Amino acid sequence: MTSHELVRRAIEFGGPERLAVQCPALGINDTFGVGCRPAEGWQPSKLKCAIWASPRATR
């Protein structure tokens, strides 16, 4: 079973033959980091930013 199959089955509760792990010190890594950042050119709307702002910050 490949790492891809292990991770997919673990996420979908599909009965993987073992747990998917991430332990580079032991040379075992079934995952791959892809990062997380907003899409290029994306800007939040002003209204939604105000919703998440602290009440003190909007005064």
N, C-alpha and C. Protein backbone atom coordinates (compact mmCIF):
# COMPACT_ATOMS: atom_id res chain seq x y z
N MET A 1 0.85 -1.17 0.00
CA MET A 1 0.00 0.00 0.00
C MET A 1 0.89 1.24 0.00
N THR A 2 0.62 2.18 -0.88
CA THR A 2 1.43 3.39 -0.97
C THR A 2 1.04 4.38 0.13
N SER A 3 1.90 5.38 0.34
CA SER A 3 1.59 6.42 1.32
C SER A 3 0.29 7.13 0.97
N HIS A 4 0.08 7.37 -0.30
CA HIS A 4 -1.14 8.04 -0.75
C HIS A 4 -2.37 7.23 -0.34
N GLU A 5 -2.34 5.93 -0.56
CA GLU A 5 -3.46 5.06 -0.18
C GLU A 5 -3.65 5.02 1.33
N LEU A 6 -2.54 4.99 2.07
CA LEU A 6 -2.64 4.97 3.55
C LEU A 6 -3.34 6.22 4.06
N VAL A 7 -2.90 7.37 3.59
CA VAL A 7 -3.47 8.64 4.06
C VAL A 7 -4.94 8.73 3.66
N ARG A 8 -5.24 8.40 2.42
CA ARG A 8 -6.64 8.47 1.94
C ARG A 8 -7.54 7.55 2.78
N ARG A 9 -7.11 6.32 2.99
CA ARG A 9 -7.92 5.38 3.78
C ARG A 9 -8.06 5.82 5.22
N ALA A 10 -7.00 6.41 5.79
CA ALA A 10 -7.07 6.91 7.17
C ALA A 10 -8.09 8.04 7.28
N ILE A 11 -8.07 8.97 6.33
CA ILE A 11 -9.01 10.10 6.35
C ILE A 11 -10.44 9.63 6.15
N GLU A 12 -10.63 8.67 5.26
CA GLU A 12 -11.97 8.21 4.93
C GLU A 12 -12.43 7.02 5.79
N PHE A 13 -11.67 6.68 6.85
CA PHE A 13 -11.98 5.54 7.72
C PHE A 13 -12.14 4.26 6.89
N GLY A 14 -11.21 4.07 5.94
CA GLY A 14 -11.29 2.93 5.04
C GLY A 14 -10.45 1.74 5.45
N GLY A 15 -9.99 1.69 6.68
CA GLY A 15 -9.23 0.55 7.17
C GLY A 15 -7.84 0.42 6.59
N PRO A 16 -6.97 1.43 6.81
CA PRO A 16 -5.59 1.30 6.32
C PRO A 16 -4.87 0.18 7.06
N GLU A 17 -3.86 -0.41 6.44
CA GLU A 17 -3.13 -1.51 7.09
C GLU A 17 -2.28 -1.03 8.26
N ARG A 18 -1.99 0.27 8.30
CA ARG A 18 -1.29 0.88 9.43
C ARG A 18 -1.64 2.35 9.46
N LEU A 19 -1.31 3.03 10.54
CA LEU A 19 -1.56 4.46 10.64
C LEU A 19 -0.62 5.22 9.72
N ALA A 20 -1.12 6.27 9.12
CA ALA A 20 -0.27 7.17 8.34
C ALA A 20 0.53 8.01 9.34
N VAL A 21 1.85 8.09 9.16
CA VAL A 21 2.69 8.80 10.12
C VAL A 21 3.59 9.81 9.42
N GLN A 22 4.07 10.74 10.23
CA GLN A 22 5.04 11.73 9.79
C GLN A 22 6.15 11.77 10.84
N CYS A 23 7.26 11.10 10.58
CA CYS A 23 8.37 11.03 11.51
C CYS A 23 9.69 11.01 10.73
N PRO A 24 10.14 12.18 10.26
CA PRO A 24 11.36 12.23 9.46
C PRO A 24 12.59 11.69 10.18
N ALA A 25 12.63 11.78 11.50
CA ALA A 25 13.77 11.27 12.26
C ALA A 25 13.96 9.77 12.06
N LEU A 26 12.85 9.06 11.81
CA LEU A 26 12.93 7.62 11.58
C LEU A 26 12.88 7.28 10.09
N GLY A 27 12.84 8.31 9.26
CA GLY A 27 12.78 8.09 7.82
C GLY A 27 11.43 7.64 7.32
N ILE A 28 10.38 7.93 8.10
CA ILE A 28 9.02 7.56 7.71
C ILE A 28 8.20 8.83 7.56
N ASN A 29 7.61 9.01 6.39
CA ASN A 29 6.78 10.18 6.17
C ASN A 29 5.75 9.85 5.10
N ASP A 30 4.51 9.70 5.51
CA ASP A 30 3.43 9.40 4.58
C ASP A 30 2.73 10.66 4.09
N THR A 31 3.18 11.82 4.55
CA THR A 31 2.52 13.07 4.19
C THR A 31 3.43 13.94 3.35
N PHE A 32 2.85 15.01 2.81
CA PHE A 32 3.62 15.97 2.03
C PHE A 32 3.05 17.35 2.31
N GLY A 33 3.89 18.27 2.74
CA GLY A 33 3.43 19.62 3.04
C GLY A 33 3.21 20.42 1.77
N VAL A 34 2.07 21.06 1.67
CA VAL A 34 1.77 21.87 0.50
C VAL A 34 1.64 23.36 0.85
N GLY A 35 1.71 23.67 2.14
CA GLY A 35 1.58 25.07 2.55
C GLY A 35 0.14 25.54 2.50
N CYS A 36 -0.05 26.72 2.98
CA CYS A 36 -1.38 27.29 3.01
C CYS A 36 -1.26 28.80 2.93
N ARG A 37 -1.70 29.36 1.85
CA ARG A 37 -1.68 30.82 1.70
C ARG A 37 -2.82 31.21 0.77
N PRO A 38 -3.24 32.46 0.82
CA PRO A 38 -4.35 32.89 -0.02
C PRO A 38 -3.96 32.84 -1.50
N ALA A 39 -4.95 32.72 -2.34
CA ALA A 39 -4.73 32.75 -3.79
C ALA A 39 -4.12 34.09 -4.19
N GLU A 40 -3.30 34.07 -5.22
CA GLU A 40 -2.63 35.28 -5.68
C GLU A 40 -3.67 36.32 -6.07
N GLY A 41 -3.51 37.53 -5.54
CA GLY A 41 -4.42 38.63 -5.86
C GLY A 41 -5.66 38.70 -5.00
N TRP A 42 -5.86 37.72 -4.10
CA TRP A 42 -7.05 37.72 -3.27
C TRP A 42 -6.99 38.80 -2.21
N GLN A 43 -8.07 39.52 -2.02
CA GLN A 43 -8.18 40.54 -0.99
C GLN A 43 -9.50 40.35 -0.27
N PRO A 44 -9.51 40.36 1.07
CA PRO A 44 -10.78 40.23 1.79
C PRO A 44 -11.61 41.49 1.63
N SER A 45 -12.92 41.31 1.70
CA SER A 45 -13.79 42.48 1.61
C SER A 45 -13.69 43.27 2.91
N LYS A 46 -13.95 44.55 2.86
CA LYS A 46 -13.88 45.41 4.04
C LYS A 46 -14.91 44.98 5.09
N LEU A 47 -16.10 44.61 4.65
CA LEU A 47 -17.17 44.23 5.57
C LEU A 47 -16.76 43.00 6.40
N LYS A 48 -16.24 41.97 5.75
CA LYS A 48 -15.88 40.77 6.47
C LYS A 48 -14.70 41.01 7.41
N CYS A 49 -13.80 41.91 7.06
CA CYS A 49 -12.68 42.22 7.95
C CYS A 49 -13.20 42.85 9.23
N ALA A 50 -14.20 43.69 9.12
CA ALA A 50 -14.75 44.36 10.30
C ALA A 50 -15.42 43.35 11.23
N ILE A 51 -16.01 42.32 10.68
CA ILE A 51 -16.68 41.31 11.50
C ILE A 51 -15.67 40.61 12.40
N TRP A 52 -14.49 40.34 11.89
CA TRP A 52 -13.48 39.61 12.64
C TRP A 52 -12.63 40.51 13.52
N ALA A 53 -12.73 41.81 13.34
CA ALA A 53 -11.90 42.73 14.12
C ALA A 53 -12.39 42.82 15.56
N SER A 54 -11.47 43.16 16.44
CA SER A 54 -11.82 43.39 17.83
C SER A 54 -12.73 44.60 17.94
N PRO A 55 -13.70 44.62 18.86
CA PRO A 55 -14.57 45.78 19.03
C PRO A 55 -13.78 47.06 19.27
N ARG A 56 -12.67 46.97 19.95
CA ARG A 56 -11.84 48.16 20.21
C ARG A 56 -11.16 48.65 18.93
N ALA A 57 -10.85 47.73 18.03
CA ALA A 57 -10.15 48.11 16.81
C ALA A 57 -11.05 48.85 15.83
N THR A 58 -12.37 48.68 15.94
CA THR A 58 -13.28 49.31 15.00
C THR A 58 -13.74 50.68 15.47
N ARG A 59 -13.37 51.09 16.64
CA ARG A 59 -13.82 52.40 17.16
C ARG A 59 -12.91 53.50 16.71
